[in-house]
Amino acid sequence: MTEASWDDHTQSPPIDWKMSASLENVVRGGDDIAEVTNLREAVEAWQGLDPEHRAHAVLVLDHPVRVDGVPANRFEGDGIAVLAERLSGPGAEGAQSDSPA
């Protein structure tokens, strides 16, 4: 008999950091304009915001990602920090940048 194994990898597959994402509710140049970019750049832009703007930001993904086994395609405020941790934390999924050095 074979036992099933449920670990973090099976619950949360790698995130596609190149998928389209929209960072919303962030004022740019005096206007509230959504920025459509890839997920990596949207999360990095969120990290660069001041705390007040971070709290009101909304990140909408092109398709759901699994975070701790739960699929989601919309993150709000500090919920975006969950993705930021996966992008820049130890053993990060998004550790390698696609940007030229």
PDB file of N, CA and C in Angstrom:
ATOM      1  N   MET A   1       0.840  -1.179   0.000  1.00  0.00           N
ATOM      2  CA  MET A   1       0.000   0.000   0.000  1.00  0.00           C
ATOM      3  C   MET A   1       0.886   1.244   0.000  1.00  0.00           C
ATOM      4  N   THR A   2       0.548   2.200  -0.825  1.00  0.00           N
ATOM      5  CA  THR A   2       1.312   3.442  -0.910  1.00  0.00           C
ATOM      6  C   THR A   2       0.548   4.549  -0.202  1.00  0.00           C
ATOM      7  N   GLU A   3       1.278   5.312   0.601  1.00  0.00           N
ATOM      8  CA  GLU A   3       0.645   6.426   1.304  1.00  0.00           C
ATOM      9  C   GLU A   3       0.807   7.698   0.504  1.00  0.00           C
ATOM     10  N   ALA A   4      -0.221   8.525   0.550  1.00  0.00           N
ATOM     11  CA  ALA A   4      -0.150   9.832  -0.108  1.00  0.00           C
ATOM     12  C   ALA A   4       0.694  10.768   0.740  1.00  0.00           C
ATOM     13  N   SER A   5       1.408  11.630   0.068  1.00  0.00           N
ATOM     14  CA  SER A   5       2.250  12.609   0.755  1.00  0.00           C
ATOM     15  C   SER A   5       1.756  14.007   0.422  1.00  0.00           C
ATOM     16  N   TRP A   6       1.394  14.764   1.430  1.00  0.00           N
ATOM     17  CA  TRP A   6       0.918  16.133   1.227  1.00  0.00           C
ATOM     18  C   TRP A   6       1.906  17.079   1.880  1.00  0.00           C
ATOM     19  N   ASP A   7       2.731  17.680   1.080  1.00  0.00           N
ATOM     20  CA  ASP A   7       3.691  18.645   1.607  1.00  0.00           C
ATOM     21  C   ASP A   7       3.424  19.997   0.970  1.00  0.00           C
ATOM     22  N   ASP A   8       4.226  20.997   1.311  1.00  0.00           N
ATOM     23  CA  ASP A   8       4.026  22.343   0.782  1.00  0.00           C
ATOM     24  C   ASP A   8       4.072  22.383  -0.731  1.00  0.00           C
ATOM     25  N   HIS A   9       4.898  21.523  -1.346  1.00  0.00           N
ATOM     26  CA  HIS A   9       5.025  21.537  -2.802  1.00  0.00           C
ATOM     27  C   HIS A   9       3.721  21.123  -3.473  1.00  0.00           C
ATOM     28  N   THR A  10       3.053  20.083  -2.923  1.00  0.00           N
ATOM     29  CA  THR A  10       1.811  19.634  -3.546  1.00  0.00           C
ATOM     30  C   THR A  10       0.675  20.601  -3.254  1.00  0.00           C
ATOM     31  N   GLN A  11       0.734  21.294  -2.155  1.00  0.00           N
ATOM     32  CA  GLN A  11      -0.316  22.234  -1.788  1.00  0.00           C
ATOM     33  C   GLN A  11      -0.162  23.572  -2.505  1.00  0.00           C
ATOM     34  N   SER A  12       1.056  23.996  -2.745  1.00  0.00           N
ATOM     35  CA  SER A  12       1.316  25.292  -3.365  1.00  0.00           C
ATOM     36  C   SER A  12       2.380  25.150  -4.446  1.00  0.00           C
ATOM     37  N   PRO A  13       1.960  24.838  -5.669  1.00  0.00           N
ATOM     38  CA  PRO A  13       2.940  24.725  -6.758  1.00  0.00           C
ATOM     39  C   PRO A  13       3.616  26.063  -7.019  1.00  0.00           C
ATOM     40  N   PRO A  14       4.734  26.065  -7.721  1.00  0.00           N
ATOM     41  CA  PRO A  14       5.447  27.316  -7.999  1.00  0.00           C
ATOM     42  C   PRO A  14       4.541  28.357  -8.657  1.00  0.00           C
ATOM     43  N   ILE A  15       4.757  29.593  -8.288  1.00  0.00           N
ATOM     44  CA  ILE A  15       3.975  30.710  -8.825  1.00  0.00           C
ATOM     45  C   ILE A  15       4.578  31.165 -10.146  1.00  0.00           C
ATOM     46  N   ASP A  16       3.728  31.428 -11.116  1.00  0.00           N
ATOM     47  CA  ASP A  16       4.153  31.962 -12.414  1.00  0.00           C
ATOM     48  C   ASP A  16       4.302  33.474 -12.280  1.00  0.00           C
ATOM     49  N   TRP A  17       5.513  33.931 -12.012  1.00  0.00           N
ATOM     50  CA  TRP A  17       5.769  35.351 -11.768  1.00  0.00           C
ATOM     51  C   TRP A  17       5.654  36.196 -13.032  1.00  0.00           C
ATOM     52  N   LYS A  18       5.543  35.545 -14.206  1.00  0.00           N
ATOM     53  CA  LYS A  18       5.441  36.283 -15.468  1.00  0.00           C
ATOM     54  C   LYS A  18       3.997  36.531 -15.900  1.00  0.00           C
ATOM     55  N   MET A  19       3.022  35.945 -15.178  1.00  0.00           N
ATOM     56  CA  MET A  19       1.622  36.142 -15.565  1.00  0.00           C
ATOM     57  C   MET A  19       1.211  37.602 -15.419  1.00  0.00           C
ATOM     58  N   SER A  20       0.198  37.999 -16.145  1.00  0.00           N
ATOM     59  CA  SER A  20      -0.316  39.368 -16.061  1.00  0.00           C
ATOM     60  C   SER A  20      -0.962  39.598 -14.700  1.00  0.00           C
ATOM     61  N   ALA A  21      -0.772  40.808 -14.193  1.00  0.00           N
ATOM     62  CA  ALA A  21      -1.369  41.194 -12.914  1.00  0.00           C
ATOM     63  C   ALA A  21      -1.657  42.688 -12.945  1.00  0.00           C
ATOM     64  N   SER A  22      -2.655  43.095 -12.200  1.00  0.00           N
ATOM     65  CA  SER A  22      -3.035  44.495 -12.127  1.00  0.00           C
ATOM     66  C   SER A  22      -2.934  44.962 -10.682  1.00  0.00           C
ATOM     67  N   LEU A  23      -2.156  46.014 -10.448  1.00  0.00           N
ATOM     68  CA  LEU A  23      -2.043  46.603  -9.119  1.00  0.00           C
ATOM     69  C   LEU A  23      -2.969  47.818  -9.107  1.00  0.00           C
ATOM     70  N   GLU A  24      -4.031  47.745  -8.296  1.00  0.00           N
ATOM     71  CA  GLU A  24      -5.085  48.756  -8.294  1.00  0.00           C
ATOM     72  C   GLU A  24      -5.165  49.493  -6.967  1.00  0.00           C
ATOM     73  N   ASN A  25      -5.935  50.594  -6.975  1.00  0.00           N
ATOM     74  CA  ASN A  25      -6.144  51.449  -5.798  1.00  0.00           C
ATOM     75  C   ASN A  25      -4.857  52.101  -5.329  1.00  0.00           C
ATOM     76  N   VAL A  26      -3.986  52.392  -6.269  1.00  0.00           N
ATOM     77  CA  VAL A  26      -2.725  53.058  -5.965  1.00  0.00           C
ATOM     78  C   VAL A  26      -2.682  54.350  -6.774  1.00  0.00           C
ATOM     79  N   VAL A  27      -2.496  55.463  -6.084  1.00  0.00           N
ATOM     80  CA  VAL A  27      -2.481  56.761  -6.753  1.00  0.00           C
ATOM     81  C   VAL A  27      -1.155  56.951  -7.471  1.00  0.00           C
ATOM     82  N   ARG A  28      -1.262  57.319  -8.755  1.00  0.00           N
ATOM     83  CA  ARG A  28      -0.073  57.599  -9.569  1.00  0.00           C
ATOM     84  C   ARG A  28      -0.286  58.948 -10.227  1.00  0.00           C
ATOM     85  N   GLY A  29       0.571  59.890  -9.935  1.00  0.00           N
ATOM     86  CA  GLY A  29       0.463  61.213 -10.543  1.00  0.00           C
ATOM     87  C   GLY A  29      -0.851  61.908 -10.220  1.00  0.00           C
ATOM     88  N   GLY A  30      -1.387  61.682  -9.028  1.00  0.00           N
ATOM     89  CA  GLY A  30      -2.618  62.330  -8.617  1.00  0.00           C
ATOM     90  C   GLY A  30      -3.882  61.599  -9.029  1.00  0.00           C
ATOM     91  N   ASP A  31      -3.771  60.538  -9.819  1.00  0.00           N
ATOM     92  CA  ASP A  31      -4.929  59.765 -10.267  1.00  0.00           C
ATOM     93  C   ASP A  31      -4.831  58.322  -9.791  1.00  0.00           C
ATOM     94  N   ASP A  32      -5.989  57.704  -9.578  1.00  0.00           N
ATOM     95  CA  ASP A  32      -6.046  56.301  -9.202  1.00  0.00           C
ATOM     96  C   ASP A  32      -6.105  55.490 -10.488  1.00  0.00           C
ATOM     97  N   ILE A  33      -4.948  55.010 -10.931  1.00  0.00           N
ATOM     98  CA  ILE A  33      -4.837  54.305 -12.204  1.00  0.00           C
ATOM     99  C   ILE A  33      -4.251  52.919 -11.947  1.00  0.00           C
ATOM    100  N   ALA A  34      -4.927  51.893 -12.455  1.00  0.00           N
ATOM    101  CA  ALA A  34      -4.413  50.530 -12.305  1.00  0.00           C
ATOM    102  C   ALA A  34      -3.178  50.352 -13.178  1.00  0.00           C
ATOM    103  N   GLU A  35      -2.200  49.662 -12.640  1.00  0.00           N
ATOM    104  CA  GLU A  35      -0.985  49.351 -13.399  1.00  0.00           C
ATOM    105  C   GLU A  35      -1.048  47.880 -13.791  1.00  0.00           C
ATOM    106  N   VAL A  36      -1.062  47.614 -15.078  1.00  0.00           N
ATOM    107  CA  VAL A  36      -1.083  46.241 -15.562  1.00  0.00           C
ATOM    108  C   VAL A  36       0.341  45.882 -15.982  1.00  0.00           C
ATOM    109  N   THR A  37       0.842  44.815 -15.403  1.00  0.00           N
ATOM    110  CA  THR A  37       2.222  44.394 -15.618  1.00  0.00           C
ATOM    111  C   THR A  37       2.306  42.902 -15.335  1.00  0.00           C
ATOM    112  N   ASN A  38       3.505  42.387 -15.092  1.00  0.00           N
ATOM    113  CA  ASN A  38       3.588  40.986 -14.675  1.00  0.00           C
ATOM    114  C   ASN A  38       3.562  40.920 -13.142  1.00  0.00           C
ATOM    115  N   LEU A  39       3.311  39.748 -12.620  1.00  0.00           N
ATOM    116  CA  LEU A  39       3.145  39.583 -11.179  1.00  0.00           C
ATOM    117  C   LEU A  39       4.383  40.012 -10.403  1.00  0.00           C
ATOM    118  N   ARG A  40       5.564  39.642 -10.892  1.00  0.00           N
ATOM    119  CA  ARG A  40       6.802  40.019 -10.199  1.00  0.00           C
ATOM    120  C   ARG A  40       6.908  41.542 -10.045  1.00  0.00           C
ATOM    121  N   GLU A  41       6.703  42.270 -11.127  1.00  0.00           N
ATOM    122  CA  GLU A  41       6.829  43.731 -11.078  1.00  0.00           C
ATOM    123  C   GLU A  41       5.727  44.371 -10.239  1.00  0.00           C
ATOM    124  N   ALA A  42       4.534  43.803 -10.256  1.00  0.00           N
ATOM    125  CA  ALA A  42       3.441  44.335  -9.438  1.00  0.00           C
ATOM    126  C   ALA A  42       3.747  44.185  -7.949  1.00  0.00           C
ATOM    127  N   VAL A  43       4.274  43.025  -7.560  1.00  0.00           N
ATOM    128  CA  VAL A  43       4.622  42.800  -6.157  1.00  0.00           C
ATOM    129  C   VAL A  43       5.778  43.714  -5.754  1.00  0.00           C
ATOM    130  N   GLU A  44       6.767  43.865  -6.620  1.00  0.00           N
ATOM    131  CA  GLU A  44       7.884  44.766  -6.322  1.00  0.00           C
ATOM    132  C   GLU A  44       7.406  46.215  -6.202  1.00  0.00           C
ATOM    133  N   ALA A  45       6.452  46.621  -7.050  1.00  0.00           N
ATOM    134  CA  ALA A  45       5.893  47.978  -6.965  1.00  0.00           C
ATOM    135  C   ALA A  45       5.155  48.150  -5.636  1.00  0.00           C
ATOM    136  N   TRP A  46       4.412  47.132  -5.222  1.00  0.00           N
ATOM    137  CA  TRP A  46       3.699  47.191  -3.940  1.00  0.00           C
ATOM    138  C   TRP A  46       4.685  47.339  -2.785  1.00  0.00           C
ATOM    139  N   GLN A  47       5.809  46.619  -2.856  1.00  0.00           N
ATOM    140  CA  GLN A  47       6.815  46.700  -1.794  1.00  0.00           C
ATOM    141  C   GLN A  47       7.380  48.110  -1.670  1.00  0.00           C
ATOM    142  N   GLY A  48       7.406  48.854  -2.775  1.00  0.00           N
ATOM    143  CA  GLY A  48       7.954  50.203  -2.768  1.00  0.00           C
ATOM    144  C   GLY A  48       6.979  51.274  -2.299  1.00  0.00           C
ATOM    145  N   LEU A  49       5.727  50.899  -2.036  1.00  0.00           N
ATOM    146  CA  LEU A  49       4.723  51.873  -1.596  1.00  0.00           C
ATOM    147  C   LEU A  49       4.876  52.197  -0.114  1.00  0.00           C
ATOM    148  N   ASP A  50       4.361  53.364   0.273  1.00  0.00           N
ATOM    149  CA  ASP A  50       4.331  53.696   1.695  1.00  0.00           C
ATOM    150  C   ASP A  50       3.222  52.861   2.352  1.00  0.00           C
ATOM    151  N   PRO A  51       3.251  52.706   3.684  1.00  0.00           N
ATOM    152  CA  PRO A  51       2.295  51.830   4.376  1.00  0.00           C
ATOM    153  C   PRO A  51       0.817  52.145   4.086  1.00  0.00           C
ATOM    154  N   GLU A  52       0.471  53.407   3.970  1.00  0.00           N
ATOM    155  CA  GLU A  52      -0.935  53.760   3.710  1.00  0.00           C
ATOM    156  C   GLU A  52      -1.391  53.243   2.349  1.00  0.00           C
ATOM    157  N   HIS A  53      -0.550  53.428   1.322  1.00  0.00           N
ATOM    158  CA  HIS A  53      -0.918  52.954  -0.010  1.00  0.00           C
ATOM    159  C   HIS A  53      -0.888  51.425  -0.091  1.00  0.00           C
ATOM    160  N   ARG A  54       0.035  50.796   0.644  1.00  0.00           N
ATOM    161  CA  ARG A  54       0.062  49.326   0.689  1.00  0.00           C
ATOM    162  C   ARG A  54      -1.261  48.791   1.244  1.00  0.00           C
ATOM    163  N   ALA A  55      -1.751  49.426   2.288  1.00  0.00           N
ATOM    164  CA  ALA A  55      -2.971  48.960   2.956  1.00  0.00           C
ATOM    165  C   ALA A  55      -4.189  49.003   2.041  1.00  0.00           C
ATOM    166  N   HIS A  56      -4.226  49.930   1.102  1.00  0.00           N
ATOM    167  CA  HIS A  56      -5.386  50.079   0.218  1.00  0.00           C
ATOM    168  C   HIS A  56      -5.214  49.424  -1.146  1.00  0.00           C
ATOM    169  N   ALA A  57      -4.027  48.923  -1.433  1.00  0.00           N
ATOM    170  CA  ALA A  57      -3.755  48.334  -2.748  1.00  0.00           C
ATOM    171  C   ALA A  57      -4.514  47.022  -2.948  1.00  0.00           C
ATOM    172  N   VAL A  58      -4.845  46.764  -4.209  1.00  0.00           N
ATOM    173  CA  VAL A  58      -5.501  45.515  -4.602  1.00  0.00           C
ATOM    174  C   VAL A  58      -4.701  44.938  -5.764  1.00  0.00           C
ATOM    175  N   LEU A  59      -4.366  43.661  -5.670  1.00  0.00           N
ATOM    176  CA  LEU A  59      -3.616  42.977  -6.716  1.00  0.00           C
ATOM    177  C   LEU A  59      -4.515  41.900  -7.313  1.00  0.00           C
ATOM    178  N   VAL A  60      -4.781  42.025  -8.618  1.00  0.00           N
ATOM    179  CA  VAL A  60      -5.635  41.065  -9.317  1.00  0.00           C
ATOM    180  C   VAL A  60      -4.768  40.312 -10.329  1.00  0.00           C
ATOM    181  N   LEU A  61      -4.785  38.987 -10.244  1.00  0.00           N
ATOM    182  CA  LEU A  61      -3.952  38.148 -11.096  1.00  0.00           C
ATOM    183  C   LEU A  61      -4.732  37.627 -12.301  1.00  0.00           C
ATOM    184  N   ASP A  62      -4.015  37.335 -13.361  1.00  0.00           N
ATOM    185  CA  ASP A  62      -4.596  36.793 -14.580  1.00  0.00           C
ATOM    186  C   ASP A  62      -5.268  35.444 -14.326  1.00  0.00           C
ATOM    187  N   HIS A  63      -4.670  34.623 -13.478  1.00  0.00           N
ATOM    188  CA  HIS A  63      -5.278  33.355 -13.086  1.00  0.00           C
ATOM    189  C   HIS A  63      -4.854  33.040 -11.655  1.00  0.00           C
ATOM    190  N   PRO A  64      -5.624  32.209 -10.972  1.00  0.00           N
ATOM    191  CA  PRO A  64      -5.332  31.926  -9.554  1.00  0.00           C
ATOM    192  C   PRO A  64      -3.982  31.255  -9.330  1.00  0.00           C
ATOM    193  N   VAL A  65      -3.414  31.524  -8.174  1.00  0.00           N
ATOM    194  CA  VAL A  65      -2.226  30.822  -7.688  1.00  0.00           C
ATOM    195  C   VAL A  65      -2.631  30.141  -6.387  1.00  0.00           C
ATOM    196  N   ARG A  66      -1.920  29.083  -6.043  1.00  0.00           N
ATOM    197  CA  ARG A  66      -2.188  28.401  -4.772  1.00  0.00           C
ATOM    198  C   ARG A  66      -1.199  28.911  -3.737  1.00  0.00           C
ATOM    199  N   VAL A  67      -1.753  29.427  -2.652  1.00  0.00           N
ATOM    200  CA  VAL A  67      -0.947  29.882  -1.530  1.00  0.00           C
ATOM    201  C   VAL A  67      -1.417  29.096  -0.319  1.00  0.00           C
ATOM    202  N   ASP A  68      -0.522  28.307   0.239  1.00  0.00           N
ATOM    203  CA  ASP A  68      -0.853  27.430   1.366  1.00  0.00           C
ATOM    204  C   ASP A  68      -2.048  26.537   1.032  1.00  0.00           C
ATOM    205  N   GLY A  69      -2.094  26.079  -0.222  1.00  0.00           N
ATOM    206  CA  GLY A  69      -3.125  25.153  -0.653  1.00  0.00           C
ATOM    207  C   GLY A  69      -4.437  25.779  -1.081  1.00  0.00           C
ATOM    208  N   VAL A  70      -4.556  27.086  -0.950  1.00  0.00           N
ATOM    209  CA  VAL A  70      -5.805  27.774  -1.278  1.00  0.00           C
ATOM    210  C   VAL A  70      -5.626  28.591  -2.555  1.00  0.00           C
ATOM    211  N   PRO A  71      -6.473  28.368  -3.573  1.00  0.00           N
ATOM    212  CA  PRO A  71      -6.348  29.156  -4.803  1.00  0.00           C
ATOM    213  C   PRO A  71      -6.909  30.567  -4.608  1.00  0.00           C
ATOM    214  N   ALA A  72      -6.199  31.552  -5.150  1.00  0.00           N
ATOM    215  CA  ALA A  72      -6.657  32.940  -5.064  1.00  0.00           C
ATOM    216  C   ALA A  72      -6.131  33.712  -6.268  1.00  0.00           C
ATOM    217  N   ASN A  73      -6.937  34.640  -6.760  1.00  0.00           N
ATOM    218  CA  ASN A  73      -6.468  35.500  -7.846  1.00  0.00           C
ATOM    219  C   ASN A  73      -6.629  36.971  -7.490  1.00  0.00           C
ATOM    220  N   ARG A  74      -6.961  37.245  -6.226  1.00  0.00           N
ATOM    221  CA  ARG A  74      -7.108  38.621  -5.754  1.00  0.00           C
ATOM    222  C   ARG A  74      -6.520  38.716  -4.342  1.00  0.00           C
ATOM    223  N   PHE A  75      -5.646  39.697  -4.159  1.00  0.00           N
ATOM    224  CA  PHE A  75      -5.013  39.932  -2.866  1.00  0.00           C
ATOM    225  C   PHE A  75      -5.195  41.402  -2.526  1.00  0.00           C
ATOM    226  N   GLU A  76      -5.496  41.688  -1.275  1.00  0.00           N
ATOM    227  CA  GLU A  76      -5.724  43.073  -0.858  1.00  0.00           C
ATOM    228  C   GLU A  76      -4.799  43.456   0.287  1.00  0.00           C
ATOM    229  N   GLY A  77      -4.359  44.718   0.275  1.00  0.00           N
ATOM    230  CA  GLY A  77      -3.563  45.266   1.362  1.00  0.00           C
ATOM    231  C   GLY A  77      -2.395  44.387   1.745  1.00  0.00           C
ATOM    232  N   ASP A  78      -2.319  44.106   3.049  1.00  0.00           N
ATOM    233  CA  ASP A  78      -1.200  43.313   3.550  1.00  0.00           C
ATOM    234  C   ASP A  78      -1.258  41.862   3.096  1.00  0.00           C
ATOM    235  N   GLY A  79      -2.364  41.434   2.502  1.00  0.00           N
ATOM    236  CA  GLY A  79      -2.426  40.091   1.927  1.00  0.00           C
ATOM    237  C   GLY A  79      -1.432  39.924   0.793  1.00  0.00           C
ATOM    238  N   ILE A  80      -1.058  41.024   0.170  1.00  0.00           N
ATOM    239  CA  ILE A  80      -0.065  40.991  -0.910  1.00  0.00           C
ATOM    240  C   ILE A  80       1.309  40.603  -0.352  1.00  0.00           C
ATOM    241  N   ALA A  81       1.506  40.855   0.943  1.00  0.00           N
ATOM    242  CA  ALA A  81       2.779  40.500   1.592  1.00  0.00           C
ATOM    243  C   ALA A  81       3.051  39.004   1.508  1.00  0.00           C
ATOM    244  N   VAL A  82       2.006  38.183   1.458  1.00  0.00           N
ATOM    245  CA  VAL A  82       2.175  36.734   1.332  1.00  0.00           C
ATOM    246  C   VAL A  82       2.924  36.416   0.041  1.00  0.00           C
ATOM    247  N   LEU A  83       2.567  37.105  -1.042  1.00  0.00           N
ATOM    248  CA  LEU A  83       3.268  36.911  -2.315  1.00  0.00           C
ATOM    249  C   LEU A  83       4.668  37.503  -2.254  1.00  0.00           C
ATOM    250  N   ALA A  84       4.807  38.659  -1.614  1.00  0.00           N
ATOM    251  CA  ALA A  84       6.118  39.309  -1.501  1.00  0.00           C
ATOM    252  C   ALA A  84       7.105  38.401  -0.770  1.00  0.00           C
ATOM    253  N   GLU A  85       6.630  37.693   0.251  1.00  0.00           N
ATOM    254  CA  GLU A  85       7.502  36.767   0.982  1.00  0.00           C
ATOM    255  C   GLU A  85       7.986  35.649   0.077  1.00  0.00           C
ATOM    256  N   ARG A  86       7.117  35.156  -0.783  1.00  0.00           N
ATOM    257  CA  ARG A  86       7.497  34.080  -1.693  1.00  0.00           C
ATOM    258  C   ARG A  86       8.428  34.577  -2.792  1.00  0.00           C
ATOM    259  N   LEU A  87       8.342  35.850  -3.099  1.00  0.00           N
ATOM    260  CA  LEU A  87       9.203  36.436  -4.120  1.00  0.00           C
ATOM    261  C   LEU A  87      10.611  36.681  -3.584  1.00  0.00           C
ATOM    262  N   SER A  88      10.711  37.145  -2.332  1.00  0.00           N
ATOM    263  CA  SER A  88      12.012  37.590  -1.834  1.00  0.00           C
ATOM    264  C   SER A  88      12.517  36.879  -0.586  1.00  0.00           C
ATOM    265  N   GLY A  89      11.767  35.955  -0.036  1.00  0.00           N
ATOM    266  CA  GLY A  89      12.192  35.283   1.191  1.00  0.00           C
ATOM    267  C   GLY A  89      13.257  34.237   0.946  1.00  0.00           C
ATOM    268  N   PRO A  90      13.752  33.598   2.033  1.00  0.00           N
ATOM    269  CA  PRO A  90      14.752  32.531   1.899  1.00  0.00           C
ATOM    270  C   PRO A  90      14.186  31.392   1.043  1.00  0.00           C
ATOM    271  N   GLY A  91      14.949  30.927   0.082  1.00  0.00           N
ATOM    272  CA  GLY A  91      14.491  29.874  -0.812  1.00  0.00           C
ATOM    273  C   GLY A  91      13.351  30.335  -1.694  1.00  0.00           C
ATOM    274  N   ALA A  92      13.324  31.611  -1.982  1.00  0.00           N
ATOM    275  CA  ALA A  92      12.212  32.222  -2.711  1.00  0.00           C
ATOM    276  C   ALA A  92      12.003  31.600  -4.081  1.00  0.00           C
ATOM    277  N   GLU A  93      10.733  31.480  -4.447  1.00  0.00           N
ATOM    278  CA  GLU A  93      10.376  30.958  -5.764  1.00  0.00           C
ATOM    279  C   GLU A  93      10.817  31.912  -6.856  1.00  0.00           C
ATOM    280  N   GLY A  94      10.765  33.210  -6.576  1.00  0.00           N
ATOM    281  CA  GLY A  94      11.069  34.206  -7.584  1.00  0.00           C
ATOM    282  C   GLY A  94      12.440  34.814  -7.410  1.00  0.00           C
ATOM    283  N   ALA A  95      13.354  34.064  -6.797  1.00  0.00           N
ATOM    284  CA  ALA A  95      14.669  34.608  -6.455  1.00  0.00           C
ATOM    285  C   ALA A  95      15.453  35.117  -7.657  1.00  0.00           C
ATOM    286  N   GLN A  96      15.283  34.499  -8.805  1.00  0.00           N
ATOM    287  CA  GLN A  96      16.032  34.950  -9.974  1.00  0.00           C
ATOM    288  C   GLN A  96      15.200  35.973 -10.742  1.00  0.00           C
ATOM    289  N   SER A  97      15.785  37.068 -11.035  1.00  0.00           N
ATOM    290  CA  SER A  97      15.113  38.117 -11.789  1.00  0.00           C
ATOM    291  C   SER A  97      15.236  37.863 -13.269  1.00  0.00           C
ATOM    292  N   ASP A  98      14.210  38.257 -13.994  1.00  0.00           N
ATOM    293  CA  ASP A  98      14.254  38.160 -15.459  1.00  0.00           C
ATOM    294  C   ASP A  98      14.873  39.404 -16.073  1.00  0.00           C
ATOM    295  N   SER A  99      15.186  40.383 -15.235  1.00  0.00           N
ATOM    296  CA  SER A  99      15.756  41.639 -15.721  1.00  0.00           C
ATOM    297  C   SER A  99      17.209  41.456 -16.054  1.00  0.00           C
ATOM    298  N   PRO A 100      17.701  42.147 -17.089  1.00  0.00           N
ATOM    299  CA  PRO A 100      19.123  42.070 -17.412  1.00  0.00           C
ATOM    300  C   PRO A 100      19.940  42.717 -16.317  1.00  0.00           C
ATOM    301  N   ALA A 101      21.112  42.177 -16.066  1.00  0.00           N
ATOM    302  CA  ALA A 101      21.978  42.701 -14.985  1.00  0.00           C
ATOM    303  C   ALA A 101      22.670  43.957 -15.402  1.00  0.00           C
TER     304      ALA A 101
END
